[in-house]
Amino acid sequence: MLIYTAKGWEFERDTYSDELLAELRALISGEDYSFVNEFKDRNRGMILLLLEKIKISGETGFIPILEVWQKNGYRKVKEAIAKVIRVLE
């Protein structure tokens, strides 16, 4: 397990969310979105940052992925996903 300073985690969280965004973007053309099940127990701050980046992207292709993800998330993440879906629609 890696341990970061607050500043180090801030940088790593941003980098990691960019990597996850790229992985999700690659899933858009497919139909298997099971990858999002891995997000359930990830750092909530990083997940919320990822959702913000999806929202800013404006890419409606993320909606099916978000809908699958929303079924398996915790309450606060589900709420955040619903907001992103509304913005993208």
PDB file of N, CA and C in Angstrom:
ATOM      1  N   MET A   1       0.841  -1.179   0.000  1.00  0.00           N
ATOM      2  CA  MET A   1       0.000   0.000   0.000  1.00  0.00           C
ATOM      3  C   MET A   1       0.882   1.236   0.000  1.00  0.00           C
ATOM      4  N   LEU A   2       0.598   2.152  -0.899  1.00  0.00           N
ATOM      5  CA  LEU A   2       1.351   3.395  -0.977  1.00  0.00           C
ATOM      6  C   LEU A   2       0.744   4.440  -0.060  1.00  0.00           C
ATOM      7  N   ILE A   3       1.603   5.243   0.532  1.00  0.00           N
ATOM      8  CA  ILE A   3       1.138   6.337   1.378  1.00  0.00           C
ATOM      9  C   ILE A   3       1.709   7.623   0.799  1.00  0.00           C
ATOM     10  N   TYR A   4       0.831   8.599   0.608  1.00  0.00           N
ATOM     11  CA  TYR A   4       1.219   9.871   0.004  1.00  0.00           C
ATOM     12  C   TYR A   4       1.077  10.996   1.015  1.00  0.00           C
ATOM     13  N   THR A   5       1.870  12.030   0.809  1.00  0.00           N
ATOM     14  CA  THR A   5       1.627  13.263   1.542  1.00  0.00           C
ATOM     15  C   THR A   5       0.360  13.867   0.951  1.00  0.00           C
ATOM     16  N   ALA A   6      -0.201  14.856   1.610  1.00  0.00           N
ATOM     17  CA  ALA A   6      -1.423  15.500   1.089  1.00  0.00           C
ATOM     18  C   ALA A   6      -1.181  16.060  -0.299  1.00  0.00           C
ATOM     19  N   LYS A   7      -0.053  16.709  -0.489  1.00  0.00           N
ATOM     20  CA  LYS A   7       0.283  17.292  -1.795  1.00  0.00           C
ATOM     21  C   LYS A   7       0.528  16.184  -2.822  1.00  0.00           C
ATOM     22  N   GLY A   8       1.206  15.127  -2.408  1.00  0.00           N
ATOM     23  CA  GLY A   8       1.484  14.018  -3.309  1.00  0.00           C
ATOM     24  C   GLY A   8       0.204  13.328  -3.751  1.00  0.00           C
ATOM     25  N   TRP A   9      -0.745  13.130  -2.814  1.00  0.00           N
ATOM     26  CA  TRP A   9      -2.009  12.494  -3.169  1.00  0.00           C
ATOM     27  C   TRP A   9      -2.828  13.392  -4.090  1.00  0.00           C
ATOM     28  N   GLU A  10      -2.784  14.690  -3.869  1.00  0.00           N
ATOM     29  CA  GLU A  10      -3.502  15.620  -4.744  1.00  0.00           C
ATOM     30  C   GLU A  10      -3.033  15.454  -6.183  1.00  0.00           C
ATOM     31  N   PHE A  11      -1.737  15.365  -6.374  1.00  0.00           N
ATOM     32  CA  PHE A  11      -1.169  15.170  -7.711  1.00  0.00           C
ATOM     33  C   PHE A  11      -1.532  13.793  -8.252  1.00  0.00           C
ATOM     34  N   GLU A  12      -1.353  12.760  -7.429  1.00  0.00           N
ATOM     35  CA  GLU A  12      -1.622  11.391  -7.866  1.00  0.00           C
ATOM     36  C   GLU A  12      -3.105  11.189  -8.167  1.00  0.00           C
ATOM     37  N   ARG A  13      -3.977  11.780  -7.362  1.00  0.00           N
ATOM     38  CA  ARG A  13      -5.424  11.668  -7.571  1.00  0.00           C
ATOM     39  C   ARG A  13      -5.807  12.241  -8.935  1.00  0.00           C
ATOM     40  N   ASP A  14      -5.230  13.380  -9.283  1.00  0.00           N
ATOM     41  CA  ASP A  14      -5.513  13.999 -10.571  1.00  0.00           C
ATOM     42  C   ASP A  14      -4.994  13.126 -11.716  1.00  0.00           C
ATOM     43  N   THR A  15      -3.791  12.618 -11.568  1.00  0.00           N
ATOM     44  CA  THR A  15      -3.200  11.754 -12.594  1.00  0.00           C
ATOM     45  C   THR A  15      -3.995  10.467 -12.747  1.00  0.00           C
ATOM     46  N   TYR A  16      -4.351   9.857 -11.628  1.00  0.00           N
ATOM     47  CA  TYR A  16      -5.081   8.597 -11.665  1.00  0.00           C
ATOM     48  C   TYR A  16      -6.476   8.791 -12.264  1.00  0.00           C
ATOM     49  N   SER A  17      -7.129   9.899 -11.929  1.00  0.00           N
ATOM     50  CA  SER A  17      -8.456  10.144 -12.501  1.00  0.00           C
ATOM     51  C   SER A  17      -8.364  10.361 -14.012  1.00  0.00           C
ATOM     52  N   ASP A  18      -7.279  10.966 -14.479  1.00  0.00           N
ATOM     53  CA  ASP A  18      -7.069  11.109 -15.936  1.00  0.00           C
ATOM     54  C   ASP A  18      -6.904   9.743 -16.597  1.00  0.00           C
ATOM     55  N   GLU A  19      -6.174   8.851 -15.942  1.00  0.00           N
ATOM     56  CA  GLU A  19      -5.983   7.503 -16.486  1.00  0.00           C
ATOM     57  C   GLU A  19      -7.307   6.745 -16.546  1.00  0.00           C
ATOM     58  N   LEU A  20      -8.108   6.863 -15.491  1.00  0.00           N
ATOM     59  CA  LEU A  20      -9.410   6.200 -15.475  1.00  0.00           C
ATOM     60  C   LEU A  20     -10.343   6.785 -16.531  1.00  0.00           C
ATOM     61  N   LEU A  21     -10.277   8.095 -16.720  1.00  0.00           N
ATOM     62  CA  LEU A  21     -11.087   8.742 -17.752  1.00  0.00           C
ATOM     63  C   LEU A  21     -10.733   8.192 -19.126  1.00  0.00           C
ATOM     64  N   ALA A  22      -9.458   8.012 -19.391  1.00  0.00           N
ATOM     65  CA  ALA A  22      -9.023   7.455 -20.673  1.00  0.00           C
ATOM     66  C   ALA A  22      -9.521   6.016 -20.832  1.00  0.00           C
ATOM     67  N   GLU A  23      -9.484   5.240 -19.749  1.00  0.00           N
ATOM     68  CA  GLU A  23      -9.980   3.861 -19.815  1.00  0.00           C
ATOM     69  C   GLU A  23     -11.482   3.831 -20.078  1.00  0.00           C
ATOM     70  N   LEU A  24     -12.221   4.714 -19.426  1.00  0.00           N
ATOM     71  CA  LEU A  24     -13.666   4.783 -19.652  1.00  0.00           C
ATOM     72  C   LEU A  24     -13.985   5.240 -21.072  1.00  0.00           C
ATOM     73  N   ARG A  25     -13.222   6.187 -21.556  1.00  0.00           N
ATOM     74  CA  ARG A  25     -13.427   6.682 -22.926  1.00  0.00           C
ATOM     75  C   ARG A  25     -13.238   5.534 -23.931  1.00  0.00           C
ATOM     76  N   ALA A  26     -12.305   4.648 -23.657  1.00  0.00           N
ATOM     77  CA  ALA A  26     -12.065   3.507 -24.540  1.00  0.00           C
ATOM     78  C   ALA A  26     -13.237   2.519 -24.502  1.00  0.00           C
ATOM     79  N   LEU A  27     -14.018   2.532 -23.430  1.00  0.00           N
ATOM     80  CA  LEU A  27     -15.162   1.631 -23.300  1.00  0.00           C
ATOM     81  C   LEU A  27     -16.402   2.133 -24.042  1.00  0.00           C
ATOM     82  N   ILE A  28     -16.417   3.397 -24.414  1.00  0.00           N
ATOM     83  CA  ILE A  28     -17.616   3.996 -24.994  1.00  0.00           C
ATOM     84  C   ILE A  28     -18.141   3.200 -26.182  1.00  0.00           C
ATOM     85  N   SER A  29     -17.270   2.737 -27.033  1.00  0.00           N
ATOM     86  CA  SER A  29     -17.717   2.038 -28.240  1.00  0.00           C
ATOM     87  C   SER A  29     -18.130   0.589 -27.977  1.00  0.00           C
ATOM     88  N   GLY A  30     -17.902   0.096 -26.782  1.00  0.00           N
ATOM     89  CA  GLY A  30     -18.231  -1.297 -26.466  1.00  0.00           C
ATOM     90  C   GLY A  30     -19.537  -1.417 -25.712  1.00  0.00           C
ATOM     91  N   GLU A  31     -19.745  -2.591 -25.164  1.00  0.00           N
ATOM     92  CA  GLU A  31     -20.960  -2.835 -24.394  1.00  0.00           C
ATOM     93  C   GLU A  31     -20.667  -3.446 -23.029  1.00  0.00           C
ATOM     94  N   ASP A  32     -19.417  -3.763 -22.753  1.00  0.00           N
ATOM     95  CA  ASP A  32     -19.048  -4.344 -21.465  1.00  0.00           C
ATOM     96  C   ASP A  32     -18.475  -3.246 -20.579  1.00  0.00           C
ATOM     97  N   TYR A  33     -19.282  -2.831 -19.622  1.00  0.00           N
ATOM     98  CA  TYR A  33     -18.871  -1.751 -18.729  1.00  0.00           C
ATOM     99  C   TYR A  33     -18.564  -2.254 -17.314  1.00  0.00           C
ATOM    100  N   SER A  34     -18.309  -3.549 -17.185  1.00  0.00           N
ATOM    101  CA  SER A  34     -18.081  -4.136 -15.868  1.00  0.00           C
ATOM    102  C   SER A  34     -16.864  -3.529 -15.155  1.00  0.00           C
ATOM    103  N   PHE A  35     -16.003  -2.880 -15.906  1.00  0.00           N
ATOM    104  CA  PHE A  35     -14.825  -2.225 -15.328  1.00  0.00           C
ATOM    105  C   PHE A  35     -15.221  -1.266 -14.205  1.00  0.00           C
ATOM    106  N   VAL A  36     -16.384  -0.634 -14.320  1.00  0.00           N
ATOM    107  CA  VAL A  36     -16.790   0.350 -13.313  1.00  0.00           C
ATOM    108  C   VAL A  36     -17.067  -0.280 -11.952  1.00  0.00           C
ATOM    109  N   ASN A  37     -17.260  -1.592 -11.910  1.00  0.00           N
ATOM    110  CA  ASN A  37     -17.468  -2.251 -10.623  1.00  0.00           C
ATOM    111  C   ASN A  37     -16.245  -2.124  -9.720  1.00  0.00           C
ATOM    112  N   GLU A  38     -15.093  -1.913 -10.319  1.00  0.00           N
ATOM    113  CA  GLU A  38     -13.859  -1.745  -9.546  1.00  0.00           C
ATOM    114  C   GLU A  38     -13.813  -0.414  -8.804  1.00  0.00           C
ATOM    115  N   PHE A  39     -14.702   0.518  -9.159  1.00  0.00           N
ATOM    116  CA  PHE A  39     -14.679   1.852  -8.561  1.00  0.00           C
ATOM    117  C   PHE A  39     -15.331   1.903  -7.187  1.00  0.00           C
ATOM    118  N   LYS A  40     -16.095   0.883  -6.833  1.00  0.00           N
ATOM    119  CA  LYS A  40     -16.918   0.948  -5.631  1.00  0.00           C
ATOM    120  C   LYS A  40     -16.130   1.297  -4.373  1.00  0.00           C
ATOM    121  N   ASP A  41     -15.001   0.708  -4.177  1.00  0.00           N
ATOM    122  CA  ASP A  41     -14.243   0.940  -2.949  1.00  0.00           C
ATOM    123  C   ASP A  41     -13.011   1.810  -3.158  1.00  0.00           C
ATOM    124  N   ARG A  42     -13.010   2.588  -4.213  1.00  0.00           N
ATOM    125  CA  ARG A  42     -11.900   3.515  -4.460  1.00  0.00           C
ATOM    126  C   ARG A  42     -12.104   4.794  -3.653  1.00  0.00           C
ATOM    127  N   ASN A  43     -11.078   5.586  -3.558  1.00  0.00           N
ATOM    128  CA  ASN A  43     -11.119   6.853  -2.843  1.00  0.00           C
ATOM    129  C   ASN A  43     -12.230   7.745  -3.399  1.00  0.00           C
ATOM    130  N   ARG A  44     -13.144   8.154  -2.542  1.00  0.00           N
ATOM    131  CA  ARG A  44     -14.300   8.934  -2.989  1.00  0.00           C
ATOM    132  C   ARG A  44     -13.893  10.260  -3.624  1.00  0.00           C
ATOM    133  N   GLY A  45     -12.910  10.924  -3.077  1.00  0.00           N
ATOM    134  CA  GLY A  45     -12.453  12.190  -3.652  1.00  0.00           C
ATOM    135  C   GLY A  45     -11.964  12.016  -5.079  1.00  0.00           C
ATOM    136  N   MET A  46     -11.249  10.933  -5.325  1.00  0.00           N
ATOM    137  CA  MET A  46     -10.754  10.663  -6.670  1.00  0.00           C
ATOM    138  C   MET A  46     -11.915  10.328  -7.606  1.00  0.00           C
ATOM    139  N   ILE A  47     -12.884   9.572  -7.114  1.00  0.00           N
ATOM    140  CA  ILE A  47     -14.051   9.206  -7.923  1.00  0.00           C
ATOM    141  C   ILE A  47     -14.862  10.449  -8.266  1.00  0.00           C
ATOM    142  N   LEU A  48     -15.051  11.339  -7.300  1.00  0.00           N
ATOM    143  CA  LEU A  48     -15.800  12.570  -7.569  1.00  0.00           C
ATOM    144  C   LEU A  48     -15.054  13.458  -8.561  1.00  0.00           C
ATOM    145  N   LEU A  49     -13.734  13.461  -8.487  1.00  0.00           N
ATOM    146  CA  LEU A  49     -12.942  14.207  -9.464  1.00  0.00           C
ATOM    147  C   LEU A  49     -13.117  13.607 -10.856  1.00  0.00           C
ATOM    148  N   LEU A  50     -13.091  12.293 -10.949  1.00  0.00           N
ATOM    149  CA  LEU A  50     -13.324  11.615 -12.224  1.00  0.00           C
ATOM    150  C   LEU A  50     -14.693  11.987 -12.785  1.00  0.00           C
ATOM    151  N   LEU A  51     -15.718  11.975 -11.947  1.00  0.00           N
ATOM    152  CA  LEU A  51     -17.057  12.339 -12.402  1.00  0.00           C
ATOM    153  C   LEU A  51     -17.109  13.790 -12.884  1.00  0.00           C
ATOM    154  N   GLU A  52     -16.402  14.656 -12.215  1.00  0.00           N
ATOM    155  CA  GLU A  52     -16.343  16.061 -12.639  1.00  0.00           C
ATOM    156  C   GLU A  52     -15.695  16.173 -14.017  1.00  0.00           C
ATOM    157  N   LYS A  53     -14.656  15.409 -14.242  1.00  0.00           N
ATOM    158  CA  LYS A  53     -13.984  15.432 -15.550  1.00  0.00           C
ATOM    159  C   LYS A  53     -14.900  14.885 -16.642  1.00  0.00           C
ATOM    160  N   ILE A  54     -15.688  13.874 -16.310  1.00  0.00           N
ATOM    161  CA  ILE A  54     -16.653  13.341 -17.279  1.00  0.00           C
ATOM    162  C   ILE A  54     -17.682  14.411 -17.602  1.00  0.00           C
ATOM    163  N   LYS A  55     -18.167  15.091 -16.585  1.00  0.00           N
ATOM    164  CA  LYS A  55     -19.159  16.153 -16.783  1.00  0.00           C
ATOM    165  C   LYS A  55     -18.600  17.263 -17.666  1.00  0.00           C
ATOM    166  N   ILE A  56     -17.397  17.690 -17.381  1.00  0.00           N
ATOM    167  CA  ILE A  56     -16.759  18.767 -18.149  1.00  0.00           C
ATOM    168  C   ILE A  56     -16.538  18.351 -19.594  1.00  0.00           C
ATOM    169  N   SER A  57     -16.296  17.063 -19.821  1.00  0.00           N
ATOM    170  CA  SER A  57     -16.041  16.592 -21.183  1.00  0.00           C
ATOM    171  C   SER A  57     -17.243  16.817 -22.095  1.00  0.00           C
ATOM    172  N   GLY A  58     -18.443  16.752 -21.531  1.00  0.00           N
ATOM    173  CA  GLY A  58     -19.651  16.924 -22.322  1.00  0.00           C
ATOM    174  C   GLY A  58     -19.948  15.764 -23.260  1.00  0.00           C
ATOM    175  N   GLU A  59     -19.238  14.663 -23.104  1.00  0.00           N
ATOM    176  CA  GLU A  59     -19.392  13.516 -24.006  1.00  0.00           C
ATOM    177  C   GLU A  59     -20.579  12.650 -23.584  1.00  0.00           C
ATOM    178  N   THR A  60     -21.630  12.669 -24.388  1.00  0.00           N
ATOM    179  CA  THR A  60     -22.831  11.886 -24.071  1.00  0.00           C
ATOM    180  C   THR A  60     -22.585  10.383 -24.157  1.00  0.00           C
ATOM    181  N   GLY A  61     -21.533   9.973 -24.810  1.00  0.00           N
ATOM    182  CA  GLY A  61     -21.194   8.558 -24.895  1.00  0.00           C
ATOM    183  C   GLY A  61     -20.915   7.927 -23.546  1.00  0.00           C
ATOM    184  N   PHE A  62     -20.638   8.738 -22.533  1.00  0.00           N
ATOM    185  CA  PHE A  62     -20.391   8.218 -21.190  1.00  0.00           C
ATOM    186  C   PHE A  62     -21.680   7.792 -20.486  1.00  0.00           C
ATOM    187  N   ILE A  63     -22.836   8.239 -20.958  1.00  0.00           N
ATOM    188  CA  ILE A  63     -24.091   7.997 -20.243  1.00  0.00           C
ATOM    189  C   ILE A  63     -24.357   6.513 -19.997  1.00  0.00           C
ATOM    190  N   PRO A  64     -24.245   5.621 -20.988  1.00  0.00           N
ATOM    191  CA  PRO A  64     -24.488   4.195 -20.691  1.00  0.00           C
ATOM    192  C   PRO A  64     -23.537   3.635 -19.631  1.00  0.00           C
ATOM    193  N   ILE A  65     -22.314   4.081 -19.653  1.00  0.00           N
ATOM    194  CA  ILE A  65     -21.338   3.637 -18.645  1.00  0.00           C
ATOM    195  C   ILE A  65     -21.758   4.141 -17.272  1.00  0.00           C
ATOM    196  N   LEU A  66     -22.149   5.399 -17.203  1.00  0.00           N
ATOM    197  CA  LEU A  66     -22.575   5.985 -15.933  1.00  0.00           C
ATOM    198  C   LEU A  66     -23.812   5.288 -15.384  1.00  0.00           C
ATOM    199  N   GLU A  67     -24.719   4.904 -16.252  1.00  0.00           N
ATOM    200  CA  GLU A  67     -25.927   4.215 -15.802  1.00  0.00           C
ATOM    201  C   GLU A  67     -25.596   2.864 -15.178  1.00  0.00           C
ATOM    202  N   VAL A  68     -24.656   2.141 -15.757  1.00  0.00           N
ATOM    203  CA  VAL A  68     -24.219   0.865 -15.174  1.00  0.00           C
ATOM    204  C   VAL A  68     -23.508   1.118 -13.851  1.00  0.00           C
ATOM    205  N   TRP A  69     -22.643   2.104 -13.835  1.00  0.00           N
ATOM    206  CA  TRP A  69     -21.889   2.444 -12.632  1.00  0.00           C
ATOM    207  C   TRP A  69     -22.836   2.836 -11.505  1.00  0.00           C
ATOM    208  N   GLN A  70     -23.865   3.589 -11.827  1.00  0.00           N
ATOM    209  CA  GLN A  70     -24.795   4.081 -10.822  1.00  0.00           C
ATOM    210  C   GLN A  70     -25.489   2.939 -10.070  1.00  0.00           C
ATOM    211  N   LYS A  71     -25.700   1.822 -10.709  1.00  0.00           N
ATOM    212  CA  LYS A  71     -26.372   0.687 -10.082  1.00  0.00           C
ATOM    213  C   LYS A  71     -25.549   0.072  -8.958  1.00  0.00           C
ATOM    214  N   ASN A  72     -24.230   0.260  -8.993  1.00  0.00           N
ATOM    215  CA  ASN A  72     -23.346  -0.412  -8.045  1.00  0.00           C
ATOM    216  C   ASN A  72     -22.615   0.516  -7.093  1.00  0.00           C
ATOM    217  N   GLY A  73     -22.936   1.794  -7.123  1.00  0.00           N
ATOM    218  CA  GLY A  73     -22.197   2.732  -6.289  1.00  0.00           C
ATOM    219  C   GLY A  73     -22.828   2.943  -4.926  1.00  0.00           C
ATOM    220  N   TYR A  74     -22.106   3.637  -4.068  1.00  0.00           N
ATOM    221  CA  TYR A  74     -22.640   4.059  -2.783  1.00  0.00           C
ATOM    222  C   TYR A  74     -23.526   5.273  -2.996  1.00  0.00           C
ATOM    223  N   ARG A  75     -24.372   5.586  -2.028  1.00  0.00           N
ATOM    224  CA  ARG A  75     -25.387   6.621  -2.164  1.00  0.00           C
ATOM    225  C   ARG A  75     -24.835   7.954  -2.688  1.00  0.00           C
ATOM    226  N   LYS A  76     -23.791   8.474  -2.080  1.00  0.00           N
ATOM    227  CA  LYS A  76     -23.269   9.783  -2.501  1.00  0.00           C
ATOM    228  C   LYS A  76     -22.702   9.733  -3.914  1.00  0.00           C
ATOM    229  N   VAL A  77     -22.092   8.636  -4.263  1.00  0.00           N
ATOM    230  CA  VAL A  77     -21.557   8.491  -5.620  1.00  0.00           C
ATOM    231  C   VAL A  77     -22.711   8.354  -6.610  1.00  0.00           C
ATOM    232  N   LYS A  78     -23.746   7.609  -6.238  1.00  0.00           N
ATOM    233  CA  LYS A  78     -24.926   7.485  -7.099  1.00  0.00           C
ATOM    234  C   LYS A  78     -25.540   8.855  -7.379  1.00  0.00           C
ATOM    235  N   GLU A  79     -25.622   9.677  -6.335  1.00  0.00           N
ATOM    236  CA  GLU A  79     -26.175  11.024  -6.491  1.00  0.00           C
ATOM    237  C   GLU A  79     -25.318  11.859  -7.435  1.00  0.00           C
ATOM    238  N   ALA A  80     -24.011  11.760  -7.279  1.00  0.00           N
ATOM    239  CA  ALA A  80     -23.092  12.510  -8.142  1.00  0.00           C
ATOM    240  C   ALA A  80     -23.212  12.033  -9.588  1.00  0.00           C
ATOM    241  N   ILE A  81     -23.337  10.734  -9.786  1.00  0.00           N
ATOM    242  CA  ILE A  81     -23.490  10.175 -11.129  1.00  0.00           C
ATOM    243  C   ILE A  81     -24.780  10.691 -11.759  1.00  0.00           C
ATOM    244  N   ALA A  82     -25.865  10.715 -10.990  1.00  0.00           N
ATOM    245  CA  ALA A  82     -27.143  11.207 -11.507  1.00  0.00           C
ATOM    246  C   ALA A  82     -27.016  12.656 -11.979  1.00  0.00           C
ATOM    247  N   LYS A  83     -26.291  13.472 -11.238  1.00  0.00           N
ATOM    248  CA  LYS A  83     -26.084  14.876 -11.620  1.00  0.00           C
ATOM    249  C   LYS A  83     -25.301  14.960 -12.933  1.00  0.00           C
ATOM    250  N   VAL A  84     -24.281  14.141 -13.072  1.00  0.00           N
ATOM    251  CA  VAL A  84     -23.469  14.155 -14.296  1.00  0.00           C
ATOM    252  C   VAL A  84     -24.329  13.721 -15.485  1.00  0.00           C
ATOM    253  N   ILE A  85     -25.141  12.691 -15.300  1.00  0.00           N
ATOM    254  CA  ILE A  85     -26.008  12.235 -16.380  1.00  0.00           C
ATOM    255  C   ILE A  85     -26.954  13.356 -16.807  1.00  0.00           C
ATOM    256  N   ARG A  86     -27.545  14.040 -15.841  1.00  0.00           N
ATOM    257  CA  ARG A  86     -28.457  15.157 -16.176  1.00  0.00           C
ATOM    258  C   ARG A  86     -27.751  16.233 -16.988  1.00  0.00           C
ATOM    259  N   VAL A  87     -26.528  16.555 -16.622  1.00  0.00           N
ATOM    260  CA  VAL A  87     -25.770  17.577 -17.350  1.00  0.00           C
ATOM    261  C   VAL A  87     -25.470  17.100 -18.777  1.00  0.00           C
ATOM    262  N   LEU A  88     -25.068  15.846 -18.918  1.00  0.00           N
ATOM    263  CA  LEU A  88     -24.709  15.326 -20.236  1.00  0.00           C
ATOM    264  C   LEU A  88     -25.922  15.180 -21.150  1.00  0.00           C
ATOM    265  N   GLU A  89     -27.096  14.953 -20.566  1.00  0.00           N
ATOM    266  CA  GLU A  89     -28.296  14.807 -21.392  1.00  0.00           C
ATOM    267  C   GLU A  89     -28.689  16.159 -21.942  1.00  0.00           C
TER     268      GLU A  89
END
